[in-house]
């Protein structure tokens, strides 16, 4: 898939829709299997550390490493979201072209 917004202009509408569908599924899968579990793990570590009387000690390094994983996952999430937004804008442009050509 191309990275430039204008590179989508030469793609047929069906291909744009298929790519958008694929990318949407990839984004959902990433959120469910990667991002959300990492956030929950980090949240659990921080809550565990906040509990008074907890037998398990949470080091700064553990929290920092889990936070780095969350941030890394967020960067990937933003990349997928940006590509998805480009595809949706390209689909919108194609539909506007079709609507204008049918009016003429």
PDB file of N, CA and C in Angstrom:
ATOM      1  N   UNK A   1       0.842  -1.180   0.000  1.00  0.00           N
ATOM      2  CA  UNK A   1       0.000   0.000   0.000  1.00  0.00           C
ATOM      3  C   UNK A   1       0.880   1.234   0.000  1.00  0.00           C
ATOM      4  N   UNK A   2       0.456   2.224  -0.688  1.00  0.00           N
ATOM      5  CA  UNK A   2       1.257   3.438  -0.826  1.00  0.00           C
ATOM      6  C   UNK A   2       1.079   4.350   0.380  1.00  0.00           C
ATOM      7  N   UNK A   3       2.105   5.152   0.656  1.00  0.00           N
ATOM      8  CA  UNK A   3       2.079   6.050   1.798  1.00  0.00           C
ATOM      9  C   UNK A   3       1.569   7.439   1.444  1.00  0.00           C
ATOM     10  N   UNK A   4       1.683   7.845   0.199  1.00  0.00           N
ATOM     11  CA  UNK A   4       1.306   9.194  -0.213  1.00  0.00           C
ATOM     12  C   UNK A   4      -0.199   9.264  -0.445  1.00  0.00           C
ATOM     13  N   UNK A   5      -0.853  10.321   0.053  1.00  0.00           N
ATOM     14  CA  UNK A   5      -2.293  10.433  -0.157  1.00  0.00           C
ATOM     15  C   UNK A   5      -2.668  10.444  -1.630  1.00  0.00           C
ATOM     16  N   UNK A   6      -1.884  11.106  -2.473  1.00  0.00           N
ATOM     17  CA  UNK A   6      -2.192  11.200  -3.900  1.00  0.00           C
ATOM     18  C   UNK A   6      -1.991   9.883  -4.628  1.00  0.00           C
ATOM     19  N   UNK A   7      -1.210   8.975  -4.071  1.00  0.00           N
ATOM     20  CA  UNK A   7      -0.989   7.699  -4.740  1.00  0.00           C
ATOM     21  C   UNK A   7      -2.257   6.849  -4.727  1.00  0.00           C
ATOM     22  N   UNK A   8      -3.202   7.168  -3.859  1.00  0.00           N
ATOM     23  CA  UNK A   8      -4.463   6.441  -3.827  1.00  0.00           C
ATOM     24  C   UNK A   8      -5.392   6.878  -4.952  1.00  0.00           C
ATOM     25  N   UNK A   9      -5.128   8.028  -5.545  1.00  0.00           N
ATOM     26  CA  UNK A   9      -6.030   8.572  -6.556  1.00  0.00           C
ATOM     27  C   UNK A   9      -6.143   7.676  -7.788  1.00  0.00           C
ATOM     28  N   UNK A  10      -5.122   6.892  -8.078  1.00  0.00           N
ATOM     29  CA  UNK A  10      -5.148   6.025  -9.254  1.00  0.00           C
ATOM     30  C   UNK A  10      -5.725   4.647  -8.955  1.00  0.00           C
ATOM     31  N   UNK A  11      -6.054   4.394  -7.697  1.00  0.00           N
ATOM     32  CA  UNK A  11      -6.585   3.082  -7.328  1.00  0.00           C
ATOM     33  C   UNK A  11      -8.093   3.045  -7.560  1.00  0.00           C
ATOM     34  N   UNK A  12      -8.595   1.907  -8.018  1.00  0.00           N
ATOM     35  CA  UNK A  12     -10.052   1.761  -8.158  1.00  0.00           C
ATOM     36  C   UNK A  12     -10.727   1.808  -6.782  1.00  0.00           C
ATOM     37  N   UNK A  13     -11.972   2.226  -6.765  1.00  0.00           N
ATOM     38  CA  UNK A  13     -12.724   2.348  -5.517  1.00  0.00           C
ATOM     39  C   UNK A  13     -12.780   1.014  -4.770  1.00  0.00           C
ATOM     40  N   UNK A  14     -12.967  -0.076  -5.488  1.00  0.00           N
ATOM     41  CA  UNK A  14     -13.039  -1.394  -4.843  1.00  0.00           C
ATOM     42  C   UNK A  14     -11.742  -1.713  -4.107  1.00  0.00           C
ATOM     43  N   UNK A  15     -10.606  -1.405  -4.720  1.00  0.00           N
ATOM     44  CA  UNK A  15      -9.314  -1.648  -4.070  1.00  0.00           C
ATOM     45  C   UNK A  15      -9.146  -0.771  -2.833  1.00  0.00           C
ATOM     46  N   UNK A  16      -9.587   0.473  -2.934  1.00  0.00           N
ATOM     47  CA  UNK A  16      -9.519   1.372  -1.776  1.00  0.00           C
ATOM     48  C   UNK A  16     -10.353   0.822  -0.624  1.00  0.00           C
ATOM     49  N   UNK A  17     -11.553   0.358  -0.944  1.00  0.00           N
ATOM     50  CA  UNK A  17     -12.430  -0.194   0.097  1.00  0.00           C
ATOM     51  C   UNK A  17     -11.847  -1.467   0.696  1.00  0.00           C
ATOM     52  N   UNK A  18     -11.287  -2.322  -0.147  1.00  0.00           N
ATOM     53  CA  UNK A  18     -10.663  -3.548   0.360  1.00  0.00           C
ATOM     54  C   UNK A  18      -9.471  -3.232   1.260  1.00  0.00           C
ATOM     55  N   UNK A  19      -8.648  -2.271   0.843  1.00  0.00           N
ATOM     56  CA  UNK A  19      -7.501  -1.875   1.667  1.00  0.00           C
ATOM     57  C   UNK A  19      -7.954  -1.250   2.986  1.00  0.00           C
ATOM     58  N   UNK A  20      -9.002  -0.437   2.927  1.00  0.00           N
ATOM     59  CA  UNK A  20      -9.521   0.182   4.151  1.00  0.00           C
ATOM     60  C   UNK A  20     -10.069  -0.890   5.092  1.00  0.00           C
ATOM     61  N   UNK A  21     -10.756  -1.863   4.539  1.00  0.00           N
ATOM     62  CA  UNK A  21     -11.282  -2.965   5.347  1.00  0.00           C
ATOM     63  C   UNK A  21     -10.144  -3.744   6.006  1.00  0.00           C
ATOM     64  N   UNK A  22      -9.126  -4.060   5.227  1.00  0.00           N
ATOM     65  CA  UNK A  22      -7.976  -4.801   5.747  1.00  0.00           C
ATOM     66  C   UNK A  22      -7.277  -4.012   6.842  1.00  0.00           C
ATOM     67  N   UNK A  23      -7.084  -2.729   6.604  1.00  0.00           N
ATOM     68  CA  UNK A  23      -6.389  -1.884   7.574  1.00  0.00           C
ATOM     69  C   UNK A  23      -7.218  -1.702   8.848  1.00  0.00           C
ATOM     70  N   UNK A  24      -8.519  -1.599   8.697  1.00  0.00           N
ATOM     71  CA  UNK A  24      -9.401  -1.492   9.863  1.00  0.00           C
ATOM     72  C   UNK A  24      -9.293  -2.755  10.716  1.00  0.00           C
ATOM     73  N   UNK A  25      -9.289  -3.906  10.074  1.00  0.00           N
ATOM     74  CA  UNK A  25      -9.143  -5.172  10.807  1.00  0.00           C
ATOM     75  C   UNK A  25      -7.783  -5.247  11.502  1.00  0.00           C
ATOM     76  N   UNK A  26      -6.736  -4.789  10.817  1.00  0.00           N
ATOM     77  CA  UNK A  26      -5.399  -4.795  11.421  1.00  0.00           C
ATOM     78  C   UNK A  26      -5.343  -3.872  12.633  1.00  0.00           C
ATOM     79  N   UNK A  27      -5.993  -2.732  12.531  1.00  0.00           N
ATOM     80  CA  UNK A  27      -6.028  -1.784  13.644  1.00  0.00           C
ATOM     81  C   UNK A  27      -6.780  -2.376  14.840  1.00  0.00           C
ATOM     82  N   UNK A  28      -7.916  -2.994  14.577  1.00  0.00           N
ATOM     83  CA  UNK A  28      -8.688  -3.627  15.651  1.00  0.00           C
ATOM     84  C   UNK A  28      -7.880  -4.742  16.298  1.00  0.00           C
ATOM     85  N   UNK A  29      -7.260  -5.580  15.476  1.00  0.00           N
ATOM     86  CA  UNK A  29      -6.454  -6.686  16.001  1.00  0.00           C
ATOM     87  C   UNK A  29      -5.300  -6.165  16.850  1.00  0.00           C
ATOM     88  N   UNK A  30      -4.636  -5.132  16.365  1.00  0.00           N
ATOM     89  CA  UNK A  30      -3.522  -4.553  17.119  1.00  0.00           C
ATOM     90  C   UNK A  30      -4.010  -4.005  18.459  1.00  0.00           C
ATOM     91  N   UNK A  31      -5.132  -3.304  18.441  1.00  0.00           N
ATOM     92  CA  UNK A  31      -5.662  -2.741  19.689  1.00  0.00           C
ATOM     93  C   UNK A  31      -6.013  -3.848  20.680  1.00  0.00           C
ATOM     94  N   UNK A  32      -6.699  -4.891  20.193  1.00  0.00           N
ATOM     95  CA  UNK A  32      -7.163  -5.960  21.075  1.00  0.00           C
ATOM     96  C   UNK A  32      -6.038  -6.857  21.577  1.00  0.00           C
ATOM     97  N   UNK A  33      -5.073  -7.147  20.716  1.00  0.00           N
ATOM     98  CA  UNK A  33      -4.051  -8.126  21.075  1.00  0.00           C
ATOM     99  C   UNK A  33      -2.742  -7.514  21.546  1.00  0.00           C
ATOM    100  N   UNK A  34      -2.562  -6.218  21.347  1.00  0.00           N
ATOM    101  CA  UNK A  34      -1.280  -5.615  21.675  1.00  0.00           C
ATOM    102  C   UNK A  34      -1.444  -4.407  22.587  1.00  0.00           C
ATOM    103  N   UNK A  35      -2.070  -3.367  22.085  1.00  0.00           N
ATOM    104  CA  UNK A  35      -2.110  -2.097  22.808  1.00  0.00           C
ATOM    105  C   UNK A  35      -2.867  -2.198  24.136  1.00  0.00           C
ATOM    106  N   UNK A  36      -4.105  -2.657  24.092  1.00  0.00           N
ATOM    107  CA  UNK A  36      -4.918  -2.711  25.313  1.00  0.00           C
ATOM    108  C   UNK A  36      -4.300  -3.630  26.366  1.00  0.00           C
ATOM    109  N   UNK A  37      -3.830  -4.837  26.003  1.00  0.00           N
ATOM    110  CA  UNK A  37      -3.185  -5.664  27.033  1.00  0.00           C
ATOM    111  C   UNK A  37      -1.945  -5.004  27.649  1.00  0.00           C
ATOM    112  N   UNK A  38      -1.181  -4.286  26.841  1.00  0.00           N
ATOM    113  CA  UNK A  38       0.001  -3.603  27.389  1.00  0.00           C
ATOM    114  C   UNK A  38      -0.397  -2.490  28.353  1.00  0.00           C
ATOM    115  N   UNK A  39      -1.440  -1.754  28.003  1.00  0.00           N
ATOM    116  CA  UNK A  39      -1.922  -0.693  28.896  1.00  0.00           C
ATOM    117  C   UNK A  39      -2.429  -1.303  30.203  1.00  0.00           C
ATOM    118  N   UNK A  40      -3.150  -2.401  30.101  1.00  0.00           N
ATOM    119  CA  UNK A  40      -3.659  -3.064  31.312  1.00  0.00           C
ATOM    120  C   UNK A  40      -2.517  -3.576  32.185  1.00  0.00           C
ATOM    121  N   UNK A  41      -1.489  -4.125  31.563  1.00  0.00           N
ATOM    122  CA  UNK A  41      -0.330  -4.595  32.324  1.00  0.00           C
ATOM    123  C   UNK A  41       0.326  -3.441  33.061  1.00  0.00           C
ATOM    124  N   UNK A  42       0.539  -2.338  32.360  1.00  0.00           N
ATOM    125  CA  UNK A  42       1.135  -1.160  32.991  1.00  0.00           C
ATOM    126  C   UNK A  42       0.243  -0.649  34.116  1.00  0.00           C
ATOM    127  N   UNK A  43      -1.039  -0.579  33.868  1.00  0.00           N
ATOM    128  CA  UNK A  43      -1.980  -0.126  34.891  1.00  0.00           C
ATOM    129  C   UNK A  43      -1.923  -1.035  36.122  1.00  0.00           C
ATOM    130  N   UNK A  44      -1.856  -2.340  35.891  1.00  0.00           N
ATOM    131  CA  UNK A  44      -1.762  -3.286  37.001  1.00  0.00           C
ATOM    132  C   UNK A  44      -0.497  -3.094  37.815  1.00  0.00           C
ATOM    133  N   UNK A  45       0.616  -2.841  37.138  1.00  0.00           N
ATOM    134  CA  UNK A  45       1.878  -2.600  37.848  1.00  0.00           C
ATOM    135  C   UNK A  45       1.800  -1.351  38.709  1.00  0.00           C
ATOM    136  N   UNK A  46       1.247  -0.304  38.152  1.00  0.00           N
ATOM    137  CA  UNK A  46       1.163   0.961  38.888  1.00  0.00           C
ATOM    138  C   UNK A  46       0.221   0.812  40.079  1.00  0.00           C
ATOM    139  N   UNK A  47      -0.904   0.147  39.882  1.00  0.00           N
ATOM    140  CA  UNK A  47      -1.846  -0.056  40.991  1.00  0.00           C
ATOM    141  C   UNK A  47      -1.237  -0.945  42.062  1.00  0.00           C
ATOM    142  N   UNK A  48      -0.511  -1.970  41.644  1.00  0.00           N
ATOM    143  CA  UNK A  48       0.146  -2.863  42.593  1.00  0.00           C
ATOM    144  C   UNK A  48       1.135  -2.084  43.441  1.00  0.00           C
ATOM    145  N   UNK A  49       1.858  -1.181  42.789  1.00  0.00           N
ATOM    146  CA  UNK A  49       2.858  -0.378  43.494  1.00  0.00           C
ATOM    147  C   UNK A  49       2.196   0.602  44.458  1.00  0.00           C
ATOM    148  N   UNK A  50       0.981   1.057  44.126  1.00  0.00           N
ATOM    149  CA  UNK A  50       0.287   2.033  44.969  1.00  0.00           C
ATOM    150  C   UNK A  50      -0.323   1.398  46.213  1.00  0.00           C
ATOM    151  N   UNK A  51      -0.570   0.086  46.144  1.00  0.00           N
ATOM    152  CA  UNK A  51      -1.196  -0.586  47.284  1.00  0.00           C
ATOM    153  C   UNK A  51      -0.212  -0.661  48.448  1.00  0.00           C
ATOM    154  N   UNK A  52      -0.686  -0.216  49.599  1.00  0.00           N
ATOM    155  CA  UNK A  52       0.168  -0.260  50.810  1.00  0.00           C
ATOM    156  C   UNK A  52       0.310  -1.727  51.220  1.00  0.00           C
ATOM    157  N   UNK A  53       0.966  -2.359  51.728  1.00  0.00           N
ATOM    158  CA  UNK A  53       0.972  -3.737  52.187  1.00  0.00           C
ATOM    159  C   UNK A  53       1.124  -4.771  51.092  1.00  0.00           C
ATOM    160  N   UNK A  54       1.421  -4.383  49.876  1.00  0.00           N
ATOM    161  CA  UNK A  54       1.601  -5.360  48.812  1.00  0.00           C
ATOM    162  C   UNK A  54       2.908  -6.102  49.032  1.00  0.00           C
ATOM    163  N   UNK A  55       2.852  -7.426  48.897  1.00  0.00           N
ATOM    164  CA  UNK A  55       4.060  -8.235  49.091  1.00  0.00           C
ATOM    165  C   UNK A  55       5.002  -8.134  47.899  1.00  0.00           C
ATOM    166  N   UNK A  56       4.454  -7.827  46.740  1.00  0.00           N
ATOM    167  CA  UNK A  56       5.255  -7.782  45.518  1.00  0.00           C
ATOM    168  C   UNK A  56       5.760  -6.361  45.288  1.00  0.00           C
ATOM    169  N   UNK A  57       7.055  -6.235  45.117  1.00  0.00           N
ATOM    170  CA  UNK A  57       7.649  -4.919  44.887  1.00  0.00           C
ATOM    171  C   UNK A  57       7.755  -4.663  43.384  1.00  0.00           C
ATOM    172  N   UNK A  58       7.399  -3.470  42.978  1.00  0.00           N
ATOM    173  CA  UNK A  58       7.463  -3.084  41.573  1.00  0.00           C
ATOM    174  C   UNK A  58       8.579  -2.061  41.431  1.00  0.00           C
ATOM    175  N   UNK A  59       9.556  -2.386  40.611  1.00  0.00           N
ATOM    176  CA  UNK A  59      10.695  -1.477  40.444  1.00  0.00           C
ATOM    177  C   UNK A  59      10.379  -0.400  39.410  1.00  0.00           C
ATOM    178  N   UNK A  60      11.109   0.684  39.510  1.00  0.00           N
ATOM    179  CA  UNK A  60      10.974   1.755  38.520  1.00  0.00           C
ATOM    180  C   UNK A  60      11.286   1.236  37.126  1.00  0.00           C
ATOM    181  N   UNK A  61      12.253   0.330  37.040  1.00  0.00           N
ATOM    182  CA  UNK A  61      12.649  -0.229  35.749  1.00  0.00           C
ATOM    183  C   UNK A  61      11.498  -1.016  35.123  1.00  0.00           C
ATOM    184  N   UNK A  62      10.784  -1.776  35.945  1.00  0.00           N
ATOM    185  CA  UNK A  62       9.640  -2.536  35.422  1.00  0.00           C
ATOM    186  C   UNK A  62       8.583  -1.591  34.852  1.00  0.00           C
ATOM    187  N   UNK A  63       8.275  -0.550  35.602  1.00  0.00           N
ATOM    188  CA  UNK A  63       7.268   0.411  35.149  1.00  0.00           C
ATOM    189  C   UNK A  63       7.750   1.119  33.894  1.00  0.00           C
ATOM    190  N   UNK A  64       9.007   1.520  33.893  1.00  0.00           N
ATOM    191  CA  UNK A  64       9.572   2.221  32.737  1.00  0.00           C
ATOM    192  C   UNK A  64       9.544   1.326  31.497  1.00  0.00           C
ATOM    193  N   UNK A  65       9.894   0.050  31.646  1.00  0.00           N
ATOM    194  CA  UNK A  65       9.893  -0.874  30.506  1.00  0.00           C
ATOM    195  C   UNK A  65       8.486  -1.092  29.962  1.00  0.00           C
ATOM    196  N   UNK A  66       7.508  -1.263  30.866  1.00  0.00           N
ATOM    197  CA  UNK A  66       6.122  -1.440  30.414  1.00  0.00           C
ATOM    198  C   UNK A  66       5.604  -0.165  29.756  1.00  0.00           C
ATOM    199  N   UNK A  67       5.977   0.992  30.290  1.00  0.00           N
ATOM    200  CA  UNK A  67       5.560   2.267  29.683  1.00  0.00           C
ATOM    201  C   UNK A  67       6.174   2.418  28.294  1.00  0.00           C
ATOM    202  N   UNK A  68       7.422   2.003  28.134  1.00  0.00           N
ATOM    203  CA  UNK A  68       8.075   2.067  26.822  1.00  0.00           C
ATOM    204  C   UNK A  68       7.352   1.171  25.819  1.00  0.00           C
ATOM    205  N   UNK A  69       6.903   0.000  26.273  1.00  0.00           N
ATOM    206  CA  UNK A  69       6.152  -0.896  25.392  1.00  0.00           C
ATOM    207  C   UNK A  69       4.827  -0.262  24.966  1.00  0.00           C
ATOM    208  N   UNK A  70       4.164   0.394  25.913  1.00  0.00           N
ATOM    209  CA  UNK A  70       2.904   1.067  25.592  1.00  0.00           C
ATOM    210  C   UNK A  70       3.145   2.180  24.570  1.00  0.00           C
ATOM    211  N   UNK A  71       4.194   2.957  24.777  1.00  0.00           N
ATOM    212  CA  UNK A  71       4.499   4.050  23.846  1.00  0.00           C
ATOM    213  C   UNK A  71       4.855   3.521  22.462  1.00  0.00           C
ATOM    214  N   UNK A  72       5.607   2.436  22.412  1.00  0.00           N
ATOM    215  CA  UNK A  72       5.958   1.814  21.133  1.00  0.00           C
ATOM    216  C   UNK A  72       4.693   1.339  20.417  1.00  0.00           C
ATOM    217  N   UNK A  73       3.800   0.738  21.162  1.00  0.00           N
ATOM    218  CA  UNK A  73       2.544   0.276  20.595  1.00  0.00           C
ATOM    219  C   UNK A  73       1.689   1.452  20.129  1.00  0.00           C
ATOM    220  N   UNK A  74       1.737   2.552  20.863  1.00  0.00           N
ATOM    221  CA  UNK A  74       0.982   3.761  20.490  1.00  0.00           C
ATOM    222  C   UNK A  74       1.493   4.335  19.171  1.00  0.00           C
ATOM    223  N   UNK A  75       2.795   4.317  18.971  1.00  0.00           N
ATOM    224  CA  UNK A  75       3.367   4.814  17.714  1.00  0.00           C
ATOM    225  C   UNK A  75       2.835   3.986  16.541  1.00  0.00           C
ATOM    226  N   UNK A  76       2.817   2.669  16.711  1.00  0.00           N
ATOM    227  CA  UNK A  76       2.306   1.796  15.661  1.00  0.00           C
ATOM    228  C   UNK A  76       0.812   2.041  15.440  1.00  0.00           C
ATOM    229  N   UNK A  77       0.069   2.244  16.527  1.00  0.00           N
ATOM    230  CA  UNK A  77      -1.361   2.532  16.432  1.00  0.00           C
ATOM    231  C   UNK A  77      -1.593   3.806  15.633  1.00  0.00           C
ATOM    232  N   UNK A  78      -0.821   4.845  15.929  1.00  0.00           N
ATOM    233  CA  UNK A  78      -0.953   6.121  15.215  1.00  0.00           C
ATOM    234  C   UNK A  78      -0.624   5.958  13.734  1.00  0.00           C
ATOM    235  N   UNK A  79       0.369   5.130  13.423  1.00  0.00           N
ATOM    236  CA  UNK A  79       0.738   4.884  12.024  1.00  0.00           C
ATOM    237  C   UNK A  79      -0.427   4.224  11.281  1.00  0.00           C
ATOM    238  N   UNK A  80      -0.989   3.170  11.883  1.00  0.00           N
ATOM    239  CA  UNK A  80      -2.128   2.499  11.254  1.00  0.00           C
ATOM    240  C   UNK A  80      -3.314   3.441  11.103  1.00  0.00           C
ATOM    241  N   UNK A  81      -3.575   4.218  12.137  1.00  0.00           N
ATOM    242  CA  UNK A  81      -4.693   5.156  12.102  1.00  0.00           C
ATOM    243  C   UNK A  81      -4.493   6.212  11.011  1.00  0.00           C
ATOM    244  N   UNK A  82      -3.272   6.691  10.848  1.00  0.00           N
ATOM    245  CA  UNK A  82      -2.977   7.673   9.802  1.00  0.00           C
ATOM    246  C   UNK A  82      -3.191   7.108   8.410  1.00  0.00           C
ATOM    247  N   UNK A  83      -2.742   5.872   8.198  1.00  0.00           N
ATOM    248  CA  UNK A  83      -2.941   5.224   6.902  1.00  0.00           C
ATOM    249  C   UNK A  83      -4.431   5.003   6.638  1.00  0.00           C
ATOM    250  N   UNK A  84      -5.156   4.607   7.682  1.00  0.00           N
ATOM    251  CA  UNK A  84      -6.590   4.379   7.549  1.00  0.00           C
ATOM    252  C   UNK A  84      -7.307   5.681   7.186  1.00  0.00           C
ATOM    253  N   UNK A  85      -6.926   6.758   7.836  1.00  0.00           N
ATOM    254  CA  UNK A  85      -7.530   8.070   7.549  1.00  0.00           C
ATOM    255  C   UNK A  85      -7.249   8.493   6.108  1.00  0.00           C
ATOM    256  N   UNK A  86      -6.033   8.237   5.617  1.00  0.00           N
ATOM    257  CA  UNK A  86      -5.702   8.570   4.224  1.00  0.00           C
ATOM    258  C   UNK A  86      -6.592   7.786   3.262  1.00  0.00           C
ATOM    259  N   UNK A  87      -6.777   6.508   3.559  1.00  0.00           N
ATOM    260  CA  UNK A  87      -7.636   5.690   2.701  1.00  0.00           C
ATOM    261  C   UNK A  87      -9.074   6.195   2.712  1.00  0.00           C
ATOM    262  N   UNK A  88      -9.566   6.556   3.876  1.00  0.00           N
ATOM    263  CA  UNK A  88     -10.941   7.057   3.952  1.00  0.00           C
ATOM    264  C   UNK A  88     -11.104   8.362   3.187  1.00  0.00           C
ATOM    265  N   UNK A  89     -10.097   9.227   3.254  1.00  0.00           N
ATOM    266  CA  UNK A  89     -10.157  10.479   2.475  1.00  0.00           C
ATOM    267  C   UNK A  89     -10.131  10.179   0.976  1.00  0.00           C
ATOM    268  N   UNK A  90      -9.328   9.190   0.574  1.00  0.00           N
ATOM    269  CA  UNK A  90      -9.266   8.813  -0.842  1.00  0.00           C
ATOM    270  C   UNK A  90     -10.607   8.239  -1.302  1.00  0.00           C
ATOM    271  N   UNK A  91     -11.239   7.443  -0.449  1.00  0.00           N
ATOM    272  CA  UNK A  91     -12.560   6.902  -0.780  1.00  0.00           C
ATOM    273  C   UNK A  91     -13.564   8.041  -0.924  1.00  0.00           C
ATOM    274  N   UNK A  92     -13.494   8.997  -0.018  1.00  0.00           N
ATOM    275  CA  UNK A  92     -14.393  10.155  -0.096  1.00  0.00           C
ATOM    276  C   UNK A  92     -14.192  10.914  -1.410  1.00  0.00           C
ATOM    277  N   UNK A  93     -12.922  11.121  -1.802  1.00  0.00           N
ATOM    278  CA  UNK A  93     -12.645  11.820  -3.070  1.00  0.00           C
ATOM    279  C   UNK A  93     -13.215  11.039  -4.255  1.00  0.00           C
ATOM    280  N   UNK A  94     -13.026   9.712  -4.251  1.00  0.00           N
ATOM    281  CA  UNK A  94     -13.545   8.879  -5.347  1.00  0.00           C
ATOM    282  C   UNK A  94     -15.068   8.976  -5.429  1.00  0.00           C
ATOM    283  N   UNK A  95     -15.719   8.917  -4.277  1.00  0.00           N
ATOM    284  CA  UNK A  95     -17.181   8.996  -4.272  1.00  0.00           C
ATOM    285  C   UNK A  95     -17.665  10.356  -4.754  1.00  0.00           C
ATOM    286  N   UNK A  96     -16.951  11.416  -4.392  1.00  0.00           N
ATOM    287  CA  UNK A  96     -17.303  12.751  -4.889  1.00  0.00           C
ATOM    288  C   UNK A  96     -17.129  12.824  -6.399  1.00  0.00           C
ATOM    289  N   UNK A  97     -16.045  12.214  -6.914  1.00  0.00           N
ATOM    290  CA  UNK A  97     -15.829  12.171  -8.370  1.00  0.00           C
ATOM    291  C   UNK A  97     -16.987  11.462  -9.061  1.00  0.00           C
ATOM    292  N   UNK A  98     -17.390  10.321  -8.503  1.00  0.00           N
ATOM    293  CA  UNK A  98     -18.480   9.541  -9.093  1.00  0.00           C
ATOM    294  C   UNK A  98     -19.779  10.340  -9.063  1.00  0.00           C
ATOM    295  N   UNK A  99     -20.051  10.986  -7.943  1.00  0.00           N
ATOM    296  CA  UNK A  99     -21.283  11.778  -7.817  1.00  0.00           C
ATOM    297  C   UNK A  99     -21.286  12.944  -8.798  1.00  0.00           C
ATOM    298  N   UNK A 100     -20.152  13.609  -8.952  1.00  0.00           N
ATOM    299  CA  UNK A 100     -20.070  14.744  -9.873  1.00  0.00           C
ATOM    300  C   UNK A 100     -20.197  14.291 -11.317  1.00  0.00           C
ATOM    301  N   UNK A 101     -19.589  13.156 -11.658  1.00  0.00           N
ATOM    302  CA  UNK A 101     -19.664  12.688 -13.044  1.00  0.00           C
ATOM    303  C   UNK A 101     -21.068  12.197 -13.384  1.00  0.00           C
ATOM    304  N   UNK A 102     -21.799  11.703 -12.396  1.00  0.00           N
ATOM    305  CA  UNK A 102     -23.165  11.248 -12.679  1.00  0.00           C
ATOM    306  C   UNK A 102     -24.132  12.423 -12.798  1.00  0.00           C
ATOM    307  N   UNK A 103     -23.774  13.560 -12.204  1.00  0.00           N
ATOM    308  CA  UNK A 103     -24.609  14.761 -12.313  1.00  0.00           C
ATOM    309  C   UNK A 103     -24.432  15.444 -13.665  1.00  0.00           C
ATOM    310  N   UNK A 104     -23.290  15.247 -14.279  1.00  0.00           N
ATOM    311  CA  UNK A 104     -22.987  15.939 -15.538  1.00  0.00           C
ATOM    312  C   UNK A 104     -23.673  15.312 -16.719  1.00  0.00           C
TER     313      UNK A 104
END
